[in-house]
Amino acid sequence: MTEVLSKPQFQILTHQYTGEKTGRIYFPALFLAEFHINVTQWLQQQEIIFGERDLKQYGDGSFRLYFRVINSLEGEYFRLVNTLMEKSSYKNRSKFRCS
């Protein structure tokens, strides 16, 4: 049975040789149906660094993004989550937990 995801999945990846850190976030279609405006605004910030090759769109409307930031990757993710929590019915931060 396939699990339907309704919350973002976030990971921090560290390059084996250079030690460079990259964030990977998957936004499921169900999540984007409610929060697409907020996610779009978050992605338009200058602090979020990514290129066209870093984005993978899926047929169901979901997408995966590899990105970098100048400051903390985890901090940037939680900044998005906190904004969404203020504007939504989500009451539990664990719904947006890092993997």
Protein backbone atom coordinates (compact mmCIF):
# COMPACT_ATOMS: atom_id res chain seq x y z
CA MET A 1 0.00 0.00 0.00
CA THR A 2 1.35 3.42 -0.95
CA GLU A 3 1.55 6.14 1.69
CA VAL A 4 0.17 9.53 0.64
CA LEU A 5 2.40 12.29 1.98
CA SER A 6 0.79 15.49 3.20
CA LYS A 7 3.77 17.26 4.76
CA PRO A 8 7.17 18.34 3.43
CA GLN A 9 10.09 15.94 3.78
CA PHE A 10 13.39 17.71 4.58
CA GLN A 11 16.96 16.44 4.74
CA ILE A 12 20.41 17.97 4.98
CA LEU A 13 22.93 16.27 2.71
CA THR A 14 26.70 16.61 3.20
CA HIS A 15 29.04 16.09 0.25
CA GLN A 16 31.37 13.18 0.96
CA TYR A 17 34.55 14.96 -0.15
CA THR A 18 33.95 18.71 0.09
CA GLY A 19 31.73 18.77 3.18
CA GLU A 20 29.37 21.20 1.41
CA LYS A 21 25.86 21.04 2.85
CA THR A 22 22.76 21.02 0.65
CA GLY A 23 19.14 20.97 1.68
CA ARG A 24 16.70 18.63 -0.01
CA ILE A 25 13.01 19.23 0.45
CA TYR A 26 10.08 17.41 -1.08
CA PHE A 27 6.76 19.27 -1.25
CA PRO A 28 3.87 16.81 -1.75
CA ALA A 29 0.89 17.83 -3.88
CA LEU A 30 -1.54 17.73 -0.93
CA PHE A 31 0.66 20.15 1.00
CA LEU A 32 1.03 22.47 -1.99
CA ALA A 33 -2.74 22.55 -2.51
CA GLU A 34 -3.04 24.41 0.79
CA PHE A 35 0.28 26.27 0.99
CA HIS A 36 1.39 26.98 -2.60
CA ILE A 37 1.38 30.77 -2.13
CA ASN A 38 3.55 30.57 1.00
CA VAL A 39 5.97 28.10 -0.59
CA THR A 40 6.26 30.32 -3.68
CA GLN A 41 7.05 33.35 -1.51
CA TRP A 42 9.65 31.36 0.44
CA LEU A 43 11.35 30.20 -2.77
CA GLN A 44 11.57 33.77 -4.09
CA GLN A 45 13.80 34.92 -1.23
CA GLN A 46 17.37 35.77 -2.15
CA GLU A 47 18.61 33.59 0.73
CA ILE A 48 17.31 30.44 -1.02
CA ILE A 49 19.88 29.49 -3.67
CA PHE A 50 18.96 26.97 -6.37
CA GLY A 51 18.98 26.56 -10.12
CA GLU A 52 16.73 24.96 -12.69
CA ARG A 53 18.69 21.68 -12.45
CA ASP A 54 17.97 21.56 -8.69
CA LEU A 55 14.22 21.29 -9.22
CA LYS A 56 12.37 18.07 -10.08
CA GLN A 57 8.65 18.34 -10.77
CA TYR A 58 6.38 15.30 -10.66
CA GLY A 59 3.19 14.61 -12.59
CA ASP A 60 0.99 14.80 -9.49
CA GLY A 61 1.95 18.44 -8.84
CA SER A 62 4.57 17.73 -6.18
CA PHE A 63 8.23 18.68 -6.49
CA ARG A 64 11.65 18.09 -4.97
CA LEU A 65 14.21 20.85 -4.55
CA TYR A 66 17.91 20.86 -3.72
CA PHE A 67 18.96 24.23 -2.30
CA ARG A 68 21.70 26.08 -0.45
CA VAL A 69 21.57 29.02 1.91
CA ILE A 70 24.19 31.33 3.36
CA ASN A 71 23.11 30.63 6.93
CA SER A 72 21.64 27.49 8.49
CA LEU A 73 19.71 25.09 6.23
CA GLU A 74 17.67 23.81 9.14
CA GLY A 75 17.00 27.36 10.34
CA GLU A 76 15.70 28.35 6.91
CA TYR A 77 13.44 25.30 6.78
CA PHE A 78 11.99 26.07 10.21
CA ARG A 79 11.46 29.69 9.20
CA LEU A 80 9.18 28.41 6.43
CA VAL A 81 7.47 25.98 8.80
CA ASN A 82 6.85 28.63 11.46
CA THR A 83 5.28 30.93 8.87
CA LEU A 84 3.01 28.13 7.70
CA MET A 85 2.05 27.15 11.24
CA GLU A 86 0.92 30.70 11.94
CA LYS A 87 -1.29 30.69 8.84
CA SER A 88 -2.73 27.21 9.03
CA SER A 89 -4.63 24.71 11.07
CA TYR A 90 -1.40 22.79 11.81
CA LYS A 91 -0.91 22.97 15.56
CA ASN A 92 1.92 20.51 16.05
CA ARG A 93 5.45 21.28 14.91
CA SER A 94 6.14 17.54 14.65
CA LYS A 95 4.08 17.53 11.46
CA PHE A 96 7.04 19.30 9.83
CA ARG A 97 9.85 17.30 11.44
CA CYS A 98 13.24 16.92 9.73
CA SER A 99 14.20 13.43 8.52
